[in-house]
Amino acid sequence: MSNEKEKPLKQLVDKMLRSYGLGDKLDEMSLVKSWEELVGKMIANHTKEIYFNKGVLFVKLDSSTLRQELSYVKSDLIQRLNDKAGKVMVKDIHLK
C-alpha cells in the first residue's frame, strides 16, 4: 500500500538539487537530453557534441549540409526547445 506522502526518488533528488541552487544546471541537462526527441534520430546521429552555456546551445555536427539546413530553422528549434523546457532558456544556437 502506498502512502500519499511518499514521493518518487526522482522528485526528491530534483527538489534537493534545486534547493542547493542547481536547478538551472538540471534544466540545462534535461534540455540537452531532449535533443534527439526534438530533432529526430537522423539529426541526433550526426550530432557529435552538444552543450549549453549562458543561454546558448552549442551543437557540433559532422555534416556541413545538415548544419546549413538547421541554420534555416534555427528560430523554430529555439522555440521548440524553450517550449519543451517550459520557459525561455535558449536564446541562441551555435551550429559548428
C-alpha atoms as a PDB file:
ATOM      1  CA  MET A   1       0.000   0.000   0.000  1.00  0.00           C
ATOM      2  CA  SER A   2       1.403   3.371  -0.992  1.00  0.00           C
ATOM      3  CA  ASN A   3       1.370   6.373   1.283  1.00  0.00           C
ATOM      4  CA  GLU A   4       0.156   9.624  -0.331  1.00  0.00           C
ATOM      5  CA  LYS A   5       3.113  11.446   1.246  1.00  0.00           C
ATOM      6  CA  GLU A   6       5.621   9.191  -0.489  1.00  0.00           C
ATOM      7  CA  LYS A   7       7.334  10.829  -3.442  1.00  0.00           C
ATOM      8  CA  PRO A   8       9.315   9.184  -6.199  1.00  0.00           C
ATOM      9  CA  LEU A   9      13.076   9.364  -5.677  1.00  0.00           C
ATOM     10  CA  LYS A  10      13.477  11.484  -8.825  1.00  0.00           C
ATOM     11  CA  GLN A  11      11.238  14.205  -7.370  1.00  0.00           C
ATOM     12  CA  LEU A  12      13.153  14.207  -4.085  1.00  0.00           C
ATOM     13  CA  VAL A  13      16.540  14.433  -5.814  1.00  0.00           C
ATOM     14  CA  ASP A  14      15.222  17.194  -8.077  1.00  0.00           C
ATOM     15  CA  LYS A  15      13.955  19.159  -5.072  1.00  0.00           C
ATOM     16  CA  MET A  16      17.252  18.707  -3.229  1.00  0.00           C
ATOM     17  CA  LEU A  17      19.343  19.867  -6.211  1.00  0.00           C
ATOM     18  CA  ARG A  18      17.125  22.898  -6.690  1.00  0.00           C
ATOM     19  CA  SER A  19      17.445  23.779  -3.001  1.00  0.00           C
ATOM     20  CA  TYR A  20      21.238  23.841  -3.493  1.00  0.00           C
ATOM     21  CA  GLY A  21      20.869  26.247  -6.415  1.00  0.00           C
ATOM     22  CA  LEU A  22      21.499  23.632  -9.101  1.00  0.00           C
ATOM     23  CA  GLY A  23      18.068  23.859 -10.704  1.00  0.00           C
ATOM     24  CA  ASP A  24      19.283  25.728 -13.778  1.00  0.00           C
ATOM     25  CA  LYS A  25      22.004  23.143 -14.413  1.00  0.00           C
ATOM     26  CA  LEU A  26      19.443  20.391 -14.024  1.00  0.00           C
ATOM     27  CA  ASP A  27      17.157  22.111 -16.552  1.00  0.00           C
ATOM     28  CA  GLU A  28      20.070  22.531 -18.986  1.00  0.00           C
ATOM     29  CA  MET A  29      20.963  18.832 -18.741  1.00  0.00           C
ATOM     30  CA  SER A  30      17.339  17.882 -19.304  1.00  0.00           C
ATOM     31  CA  LEU A  31      17.165  20.109 -22.373  1.00  0.00           C
ATOM     32  CA  VAL A  32      20.317  18.601 -23.870  1.00  0.00           C
ATOM     33  CA  LYS A  33      18.924  15.116 -23.244  1.00  0.00           C
ATOM     34  CA  SER A  34      15.742  16.033 -25.147  1.00  0.00           C
ATOM     35  CA  TRP A  35      17.704  16.980 -28.315  1.00  0.00           C
ATOM     36  CA  GLU A  36      17.024  13.663 -30.107  1.00  0.00           C
ATOM     37  CA  GLU A  37      13.326  13.806 -29.242  1.00  0.00           C
ATOM     38  CA  LEU A  38      13.047  17.303 -30.725  1.00  0.00           C
ATOM     39  CA  VAL A  39      15.156  16.929 -33.874  1.00  0.00           C
ATOM     40  CA  GLY A  40      14.788  13.230 -34.644  1.00  0.00           C
ATOM     41  CA  LYS A  41      17.134  10.284 -34.721  1.00  0.00           C
ATOM     42  CA  MET A  42      18.830  11.143 -38.028  1.00  0.00           C
ATOM     43  CA  ILE A  43      19.971  14.592 -36.877  1.00  0.00           C
ATOM     44  CA  ALA A  44      20.858  13.258 -33.427  1.00  0.00           C
ATOM     45  CA  ASN A  45      23.084  10.626 -35.075  1.00  0.00           C
ATOM     46  CA  HIS A  46      25.021  13.415 -36.819  1.00  0.00           C
ATOM     47  CA  THR A  47      25.337  15.419 -33.586  1.00  0.00           C
ATOM     48  CA  LYS A  48      28.822  14.871 -32.237  1.00  0.00           C
ATOM     49  CA  GLU A  49      28.763  17.289 -29.311  1.00  0.00           C
ATOM     50  CA  ILE A  50      26.083  19.328 -27.610  1.00  0.00           C
ATOM     51  CA  TYR A  51      26.318  21.559 -24.566  1.00  0.00           C
ATOM     52  CA  PHE A  52      24.663  24.574 -23.022  1.00  0.00           C
ATOM     53  CA  ASN A  53      26.393  27.738 -21.796  1.00  0.00           C
ATOM     54  CA  LYS A  54      24.835  31.044 -20.707  1.00  0.00           C
ATOM     55  CA  GLY A  55      21.674  30.735 -22.772  1.00  0.00           C
ATOM     56  CA  VAL A  56      23.418  29.422 -25.871  1.00  0.00           C
ATOM     57  CA  LEU A  57      23.115  25.835 -27.082  1.00  0.00           C
ATOM     58  CA  PHE A  58      26.286  24.739 -28.877  1.00  0.00           C
ATOM     59  CA  VAL A  59      25.782  21.896 -31.350  1.00  0.00           C
ATOM     60  CA  LYS A  60      28.666  20.270 -33.244  1.00  0.00           C
ATOM     61  CA  LEU A  61      27.582  18.321 -36.309  1.00  0.00           C
ATOM     62  CA  ASP A  62      29.559  16.036 -38.622  1.00  0.00           C
ATOM     63  CA  SER A  63      27.742  17.268 -41.737  1.00  0.00           C
ATOM     64  CA  SER A  64      28.109  20.742 -43.213  1.00  0.00           C
ATOM     65  CA  THR A  65      24.958  20.194 -45.290  1.00  0.00           C
ATOM     66  CA  LEU A  66      22.938  19.347 -42.217  1.00  0.00           C
ATOM     67  CA  ARG A  67      24.444  22.319 -40.371  1.00  0.00           C
ATOM     68  CA  GLN A  68      23.251  24.585 -43.196  1.00  0.00           C
ATOM     69  CA  GLU A  69      19.769  23.028 -43.160  1.00  0.00           C
ATOM     70  CA  LEU A  70      19.465  23.516 -39.394  1.00  0.00           C
ATOM     71  CA  SER A  71      20.585  27.128 -39.679  1.00  0.00           C
ATOM     72  CA  TYR A  72      17.433  27.786 -41.749  1.00  0.00           C
ATOM     73  CA  VAL A  73      15.172  26.505 -38.950  1.00  0.00           C
ATOM     74  CA  LYS A  74      17.196  27.798 -36.007  1.00  0.00           C
ATOM     75  CA  SER A  75      14.465  30.085 -34.677  1.00  0.00           C
ATOM     76  CA  ASP A  76      11.968  27.207 -34.804  1.00  0.00           C
ATOM     77  CA  LEU A  77      14.418  24.978 -32.918  1.00  0.00           C
ATOM     78  CA  ILE A  78      14.883  27.639 -30.258  1.00  0.00           C
ATOM     79  CA  GLN A  79      11.117  27.936 -29.865  1.00  0.00           C
ATOM     80  CA  ARG A  80      10.654  24.161 -29.615  1.00  0.00           C
ATOM     81  CA  LEU A  81      13.453  23.818 -27.063  1.00  0.00           C
ATOM     82  CA  ASN A  82      12.006  26.611 -24.937  1.00  0.00           C
ATOM     83  CA  ASP A  83       8.526  25.109 -25.213  1.00  0.00           C
ATOM     84  CA  LYS A  84       9.946  21.774 -24.060  1.00  0.00           C
ATOM     85  CA  ALA A  85      11.665  23.469 -21.106  1.00  0.00           C
ATOM     86  CA  GLY A  86       8.515  25.381 -20.205  1.00  0.00           C
ATOM     87  CA  LYS A  87      10.483  28.627 -20.001  1.00  0.00           C
ATOM     88  CA  VAL A  88      12.913  30.695 -22.030  1.00  0.00           C
ATOM     89  CA  MET A  89      16.285  29.022 -21.624  1.00  0.00           C
ATOM     90  CA  VAL A  90      17.735  29.032 -25.141  1.00  0.00           C
ATOM     91  CA  LYS A  91      18.489  32.460 -26.538  1.00  0.00           C
ATOM     92  CA  ASP A  92      20.615  31.255 -29.442  1.00  0.00           C
ATOM     93  CA  ILE A  93      22.002  28.126 -31.058  1.00  0.00           C
ATOM     94  CA  HIS A  94      25.543  27.977 -32.404  1.00  0.00           C
ATOM     95  CA  LEU A  95      25.973  25.280 -35.024  1.00  0.00           C
ATOM     96  CA  LYS A  96      29.543  24.110 -35.573  1.00  0.00           C
END
